[in-house]
Protein backbone atom coordinates (compact mmCIF):
# COMPACT_ATOMS: atom_id res chain seq x y z
CA UNK A 1 22.64 17.45 14.23
CA UNK A 2 23.52 14.12 15.81
CA UNK A 3 21.99 11.94 18.53
CA UNK A 4 24.18 11.06 21.49
CA UNK A 5 24.98 7.66 19.97
CA UNK A 6 26.04 9.31 16.71
CA UNK A 7 28.06 11.90 18.64
CA UNK A 8 29.79 9.06 20.52
CA UNK A 9 30.66 7.32 17.26
CA UNK A 10 32.06 10.51 15.72
CA UNK A 11 34.00 11.69 18.78
CA UNK A 12 35.18 8.39 20.24
CA UNK A 13 33.67 9.33 23.62
CA UNK A 14 31.10 7.01 25.24
CA UNK A 15 27.56 8.36 25.87
CA UNK A 16 27.89 8.06 29.69
CA UNK A 17 31.13 10.04 29.60
CA UNK A 18 29.58 12.70 27.33
CA UNK A 19 26.79 13.12 29.89
CA UNK A 20 29.29 13.19 32.75
CA UNK A 21 31.37 15.92 31.11
CA UNK A 22 28.21 17.89 30.38
CA UNK A 23 26.95 17.57 33.94
CA UNK A 24 30.19 18.13 35.85
CA UNK A 25 32.03 20.63 33.67
CA UNK A 26 29.48 22.15 31.28
CA UNK A 27 31.96 21.54 28.49
CA UNK A 28 29.15 20.81 26.02
CA UNK A 29 25.59 22.10 25.99
CA UNK A 30 23.51 20.02 23.58
CA UNK A 31 20.19 21.13 22.20
CA UNK A 32 17.10 19.10 23.06
CA UNK A 33 14.29 17.67 20.99
CA UNK A 34 10.71 18.28 22.20
CA UNK A 35 10.82 14.81 23.80
CA UNK A 36 14.04 15.60 25.64
CA UNK A 37 16.66 13.78 23.55
CA UNK A 38 20.09 15.41 23.25
CA UNK A 39 21.29 16.71 19.86
CA UNK A 40 24.89 17.62 19.02
CA UNK A 41 26.33 19.73 16.20
CA UNK A 42 29.77 19.59 14.55
CA UNK A 43 31.39 22.22 16.82
CA UNK A 44 30.28 20.20 19.83
CA UNK A 45 31.80 17.06 18.29
CA UNK A 46 35.08 18.96 17.95
CA UNK A 47 34.96 19.89 21.64
CA UNK A 48 34.43 16.25 22.58
CA UNK A 49 37.35 15.19 20.38
CA UNK A 50 39.53 17.84 22.00
CA UNK A 51 38.51 16.69 25.48
CA UNK A 52 39.22 13.08 24.60
CA UNK A 53 42.64 13.99 23.14
CA UNK A 54 43.69 16.07 26.15
CA UNK A 55 42.55 13.48 28.69
CA UNK A 56 44.32 10.72 26.76
CA UNK A 57 47.52 12.78 26.84
CA UNK A 58 47.46 13.06 30.62
CA UNK A 59 45.27 16.08 31.40
CA UNK A 60 42.57 15.73 34.03
CA UNK A 61 39.04 16.20 32.72
CA UNK A 62 38.60 19.37 34.79
CA UNK A 63 41.84 20.87 33.45
CA UNK A 64 40.86 20.02 29.88
CA UNK A 65 37.39 21.53 30.31
CA UNK A 66 38.85 24.73 31.79
CA UNK A 67 41.38 25.09 28.96
CA UNK A 68 38.71 24.57 26.30
CA UNK A 69 36.34 27.05 27.96
CA UNK A 70 39.18 29.61 28.18
CA UNK A 71 39.99 29.23 24.48
CA UNK A 72 43.46 27.86 25.21
CA UNK A 73 42.92 24.83 22.96
CA UNK A 74 42.39 25.39 19.20
CA UNK A 75 39.52 22.94 18.88
CA UNK A 76 38.63 24.16 15.38
CA UNK A 77 41.80 22.49 14.08
CA UNK A 78 40.81 19.07 15.41
CA UNK A 79 38.94 16.97 12.88
CA UNK A 80 36.10 14.73 14.07
CA UNK A 81 36.64 11.01 13.95
CA UNK A 82 35.00 9.19 11.02
CA UNK A 83 31.34 8.40 11.60
CA UNK A 84 32.11 4.70 11.43
CA UNK A 85 34.67 4.85 14.21
CA UNK A 86 33.40 3.02 17.29
CA UNK A 87 33.46 4.91 20.57
CA UNK A 88 36.31 4.08 22.88
CA UNK A 89 35.03 2.00 25.76
CA UNK A 90 36.33 0.34 28.87
CA UNK A 91 33.62 -2.13 29.80
CA UNK A 92 32.93 -3.47 33.26
CA UNK A 93 33.49 -6.95 31.80
CA UNK A 94 37.16 -6.00 31.56
CA UNK A 95 37.78 -7.72 34.89
CA UNK A 96 36.58 -8.42 38.40
CA UNK A 97 39.47 -6.37 39.74
CA UNK A 98 38.19 -3.19 38.09
CA UNK A 99 34.67 -3.71 39.41
CA UNK A 100 35.83 -4.59 42.91
CA UNK A 101 38.13 -1.57 43.09
CA UNK A 102 35.41 0.87 41.98
CA UNK A 103 32.87 -0.58 44.40
CA UNK A 104 35.35 -0.52 47.29
CA UNK A 105 36.23 3.11 46.53
CA UNK A 106 32.54 3.97 46.38
CA UNK A 107 31.87 2.45 49.81
CA UNK A 108 34.97 4.21 51.13
CA UNK A 109 33.70 7.57 49.88
CA UNK A 110 30.37 6.92 51.60
CA UNK A 111 32.20 6.00 54.79
CA UNK A 112 33.99 9.36 54.70
CA UNK A 113 30.73 11.15 53.80
CA UNK A 114 32.57 12.72 50.87
CA UNK A 115 29.86 13.87 48.46
CA UNK A 116 32.38 15.08 45.89
CA UNK A 117 34.26 11.78 45.88
CA UNK A 118 31.04 9.77 45.72
CA UNK A 119 29.85 11.74 42.68
CA UNK A 120 33.24 11.41 40.96
CA UNK A 121 33.29 7.64 41.43
CA UNK A 122 29.76 7.36 40.07
CA UNK A 123 30.94 9.28 37.01
CA UNK A 124 33.77 6.76 36.60
CA UNK A 125 31.33 3.88 36.85
CA UNK A 126 28.99 5.35 34.25
CA UNK A 127 31.91 5.88 31.88
CA UNK A 128 32.88 2.20 31.83
CA UNK A 129 30.18 0.87 29.51
CA UNK A 130 26.51 0.82 28.57
CA UNK A 131 23.90 1.84 31.12
CA UNK A 132 22.63 -1.71 31.47
CA UNK A 133 26.11 -3.19 32.01
CA UNK A 134 27.01 -0.51 34.54
CA UNK A 135 23.77 -1.08 36.45
CA UNK A 136 24.18 -4.86 36.62
CA UNK A 137 27.92 -4.97 37.24
CA UNK A 138 28.56 -1.83 39.27
CA UNK A 139 25.69 0.36 40.50
CA UNK A 140 23.44 -2.28 42.04
CA UNK A 141 26.35 -4.30 43.50
CA UNK A 142 27.72 -1.02 44.91
CA UNK A 143 24.35 -0.26 46.52
CA UNK A 144 24.32 -3.76 48.03
CA UNK A 145 27.84 -3.19 49.33
CA UNK A 146 26.58 -0.09 51.13
CA UNK A 147 24.12 -2.26 53.03
CA UNK A 148 26.89 -4.70 53.88
CA UNK A 149 29.04 -1.82 55.07
CA UNK A 150 26.25 -0.59 57.33
CA UNK A 151 25.68 -4.10 58.72
CA UNK A 152 29.41 -4.39 59.45
CA UNK A 153 29.44 -1.09 61.28
CA UNK A 154 31.55 0.74 58.68
CA UNK A 155 28.77 3.15 57.69
CA UNK A 156 26.20 5.10 59.64
CA UNK A 157 22.60 5.02 58.51
CA UNK A 158 22.96 8.61 57.32
CA UNK A 159 26.06 7.82 55.25
CA UNK A 160 24.39 4.80 53.67
CA UNK A 161 21.30 6.84 52.82
CA UNK A 162 23.33 9.68 51.33
CA UNK A 163 25.31 7.39 49.01
CA UNK A 164 22.18 5.45 48.03
CA UNK A 165 20.44 8.72 47.22
CA UNK A 166 23.33 9.65 44.92
CA UNK A 167 22.83 6.38 43.03
CA UNK A 168 19.07 6.99 42.87
CA UNK A 169 19.63 10.45 41.35
CA UNK A 170 21.75 8.96 38.58
CA UNK A 171 19.17 6.28 37.84
CA UNK A 172 16.37 8.84 37.81
CA UNK A 173 18.34 10.99 35.39
CA UNK A 174 18.84 8.03 33.06
CA UNK A 175 15.14 7.19 33.30
CA UNK A 176 14.20 10.74 32.36
CA UNK A 177 16.81 10.93 29.60
CA UNK A 178 15.24 7.91 27.89
CA UNK A 179 12.27 10.12 26.95
CA UNK A 180 8.73 10.61 28.20
CA UNK A 181 6.38 8.11 26.53
CA UNK A 182 3.23 9.14 24.70
CA UNK A 183 1.58 5.87 25.72
CA UNK A 184 2.17 3.80 28.86
CA UNK A 185 2.49 0.07 28.26
CA UNK A 186 4.05 -1.00 31.57
CA UNK A 187 3.60 0.22 35.14
CA UNK A 188 6.55 -0.41 37.50
CA UNK A 189 6.74 0.01 41.25
CA UNK A 190 6.98 -1.54 44.70
CA UNK A 191 4.24 -2.99 46.93
CA UNK A 192 3.02 -1.34 50.15
CA UNK A 193 5.75 -0.96 52.76
CA UNK A 194 8.64 -1.67 50.37
CA UNK A 195 11.14 1.17 50.13
CA UNK A 196 14.25 -0.31 48.49
CA UNK A 197 13.62 1.02 45.00
CA UNK A 198 17.02 1.19 43.26
CA UNK A 199 16.53 -2.09 41.40
CA UNK A 200 13.01 -1.19 40.28
CA UNK A 201 14.11 2.25 39.11
CA UNK A 202 17.07 0.80 37.22
CA UNK A 203 14.76 -1.73 35.56
CA UNK A 204 12.27 1.00 34.61
CA UNK A 205 15.07 3.02 33.00
CA UNK A 206 16.37 -0.01 31.08
CA UNK A 207 12.87 -0.84 29.85
CA UNK A 208 12.20 2.73 28.75
CA UNK A 209 15.54 2.73 26.92
CA UNK A 210 14.14 -0.18 24.89
CA UNK A 211 11.38 2.09 23.65
CA UNK A 212 8.69 0.75 25.98
CA UNK A 213 6.36 3.30 27.54
CA UNK A 214 6.89 3.06 31.31
CA UNK A 215 5.12 4.73 34.21
CA UNK A 216 7.28 4.43 37.32
CA UNK A 217 5.27 4.59 40.56
CA UNK A 218 8.17 4.37 42.99
CA UNK A 219 8.28 2.86 46.47
CA UNK A 220 5.52 1.93 48.94
CA UNK A 221 2.54 1.95 46.55
CA UNK A 222 -0.79 0.94 48.05
CA UNK A 223 -2.88 -1.80 46.49
CA UNK A 224 -5.54 0.76 45.56
CA UNK A 225 -2.81 2.91 44.03
CA UNK A 226 -1.71 0.05 41.79
CA UNK A 227 -5.28 -0.64 40.66
CA UNK A 228 -5.90 3.05 39.97
CA UNK A 229 -2.68 3.43 37.96
CA UNK A 230 -3.49 0.42 35.81
CA UNK A 231 -7.04 1.63 35.20
CA UNK A 232 -5.98 5.16 34.26
CA UNK A 233 -3.14 4.16 31.95
CA UNK A 234 -4.81 1.03 30.53
CA UNK A 235 -1.34 -0.48 30.53
CA UNK A 236 -1.11 -4.14 29.62
CA UNK A 237 1.63 -5.06 32.07
CA UNK A 238 2.55 -4.45 35.69
CA UNK A 239 5.99 -5.12 37.18
CA UNK A 240 6.09 -5.42 40.97
CA UNK A 241 9.41 -5.34 42.81
CA UNK A 242 9.84 -7.93 45.58
CA UNK A 243 13.12 -6.98 47.20
CA UNK A 244 12.97 -8.75 50.57
CA UNK A 245 11.01 -11.63 52.05
CA UNK A 246 9.10 -9.07 54.08
CA UNK A 247 7.74 -7.70 50.77
CA UNK A 248 6.27 -11.00 49.60
CA UNK A 249 2.90 -10.82 51.40
CA UNK A 250 2.25 -7.26 50.23
CA UNK A 251 3.33 -8.17 46.68
CA UNK A 252 0.87 -11.07 46.69
CA UNK A 253 -1.92 -8.66 47.64
CA UNK A 254 -0.99 -6.42 44.71
CA UNK A 255 -0.90 -9.38 42.34
CA UNK A 256 -4.31 -10.62 43.52
CA UNK A 257 -5.84 -7.18 42.97
CA UNK A 258 -4.32 -6.91 39.49
CA UNK A 259 -5.52 -10.39 38.56
CA UNK A 260 -9.03 -9.28 39.48
CA UNK A 261 -8.60 -6.44 36.97
CA UNK A 262 -7.58 -8.96 34.27
CA UNK A 263 -4.16 -7.39 33.68
CA UNK A 264 -2.64 -9.48 30.85
CA UNK A 265 0.96 -9.49 32.14
CA UNK A 266 2.07 -9.36 35.76
CA UNK A 267 5.81 -9.65 36.40
CA UNK A 268 7.68 -9.95 39.67
CA UNK A 269 11.31 -8.97 39.96
CA UNK A 270 13.83 -8.68 42.76
CA UNK A 271 15.79 -10.88 45.12
CA UNK A 272 12.65 -12.20 46.84
CA UNK A 273 10.56 -12.84 43.72
CA UNK A 274 10.05 -16.60 43.77
CA UNK A 275 8.16 -19.32 41.96
CA UNK A 276 5.51 -19.25 44.69
CA UNK A 277 4.00 -16.10 43.24
CA UNK A 278 4.39 -17.44 39.70
CA UNK A 279 1.92 -20.22 40.51
CA UNK A 280 -0.85 -17.64 40.80
CA UNK A 281 -1.34 -17.49 37.03
CA UNK A 282 0.39 -18.72 33.87
CA UNK A 283 0.77 -15.11 32.74
CA UNK A 284 2.77 -14.12 35.84
CA UNK A 285 6.46 -13.78 35.05
CA UNK A 286 9.39 -14.15 37.43
CA UNK A 287 12.09 -11.91 36.02
CA UNK A 288 15.78 -12.82 35.81
CA UNK A 289 18.23 -11.21 38.20
CA UNK A 290 20.06 -9.01 35.69
CA UNK A 291 18.27 -5.79 34.81
CA UNK A 292 19.16 -6.05 31.11
CA UNK A 293 17.70 -9.57 30.86
CA UNK A 294 14.58 -8.60 32.81
CA UNK A 295 13.94 -5.60 30.57
CA UNK A 296 14.36 -7.75 27.47
CA UNK A 297 11.87 -10.32 28.80
CA UNK A 298 9.19 -7.74 29.60
CA UNK A 299 9.71 -5.83 26.36
CA UNK A 300 9.27 -9.05 24.40
CA UNK A 301 6.15 -10.01 26.36
CA UNK A 302 4.57 -6.58 25.83
CA UNK A 303 5.26 -6.62 22.10
CA UNK A 304 3.55 -10.01 21.78
CA UNK A 305 0.30 -8.89 23.40
CA UNK A 306 -2.33 -6.38 22.24
CA UNK A 307 -3.27 -3.41 24.41
CA UNK A 308 -6.04 -4.08 26.90
CA UNK A 309 -8.51 -1.89 25.02
CA UNK A 310 -7.77 -3.72 21.77
CA UNK A 311 -8.07 -7.13 23.38
CA UNK A 312 -11.42 -6.29 24.99
CA UNK A 313 -12.67 -4.80 21.73
CA UNK A 314 -11.81 -8.00 19.87
CA UNK A 315 -13.64 -10.05 22.51
CA UNK A 316 -16.79 -7.96 22.22
CA UNK A 317 -16.99 -8.23 18.45
């Protein structure tokens, strides 16, 4: 049995595209470990190779999936790629034109309220590279473009919400696919009144993919809710999203309450996270804009510090 990364290496199909084919066409049905990780066997690898070969030769993915399911393609005669073969990948860094075209098509699908087209374009985005690269270069810019489209009168509020919800579902799926932690090291969420959670959810997924135990609280979390979550999990770090200037006062209240609880690491991320909050304590971090960089910073900070229970135990001895 192979992990999804190993299956990607053997089949030449990227992990996001494997998941997309599984979700949209049911062409593969991997087994799951008790913690939720996908596992693939050799027959499944052969199906992925067959799909890749047919699509590369001009078939649509839906046609290829139908033909494979109907037994019209002799997949047992297709040998898997060598395990050392790198998965084929078209990365978002391939050019601004690619990114701009995908984002424009995404906003256009939202404008038409075409759920099917929106989902298909999201599949295309996720197939262009790693989760972190797609989030930073496509998904979050696309979500921002939705807001711009609404402000310009291109989108109704309902259309903007529907497309944003589609993005949120993908991010939530990636967060869940990263595995449920046995121990929570970091609590992530938004302050009271803040509801723009796509960036925070994307960050939580990226951090969990680094092997860090994350509890994601979501949007509009009360100050008491933050304090309670930190007390119950005994997590050593809290990451508070500050998306707009209107969130800053509420975020400061959260930070003050967490400082009173002696939380070792408090990080602020988002477009409105500024150095003003960082002055509250030397241990308060202002995270970089890119989700991948922010996750790396927090993961490194968490690994350098003992758990709160351990630190207090050492102090009492």
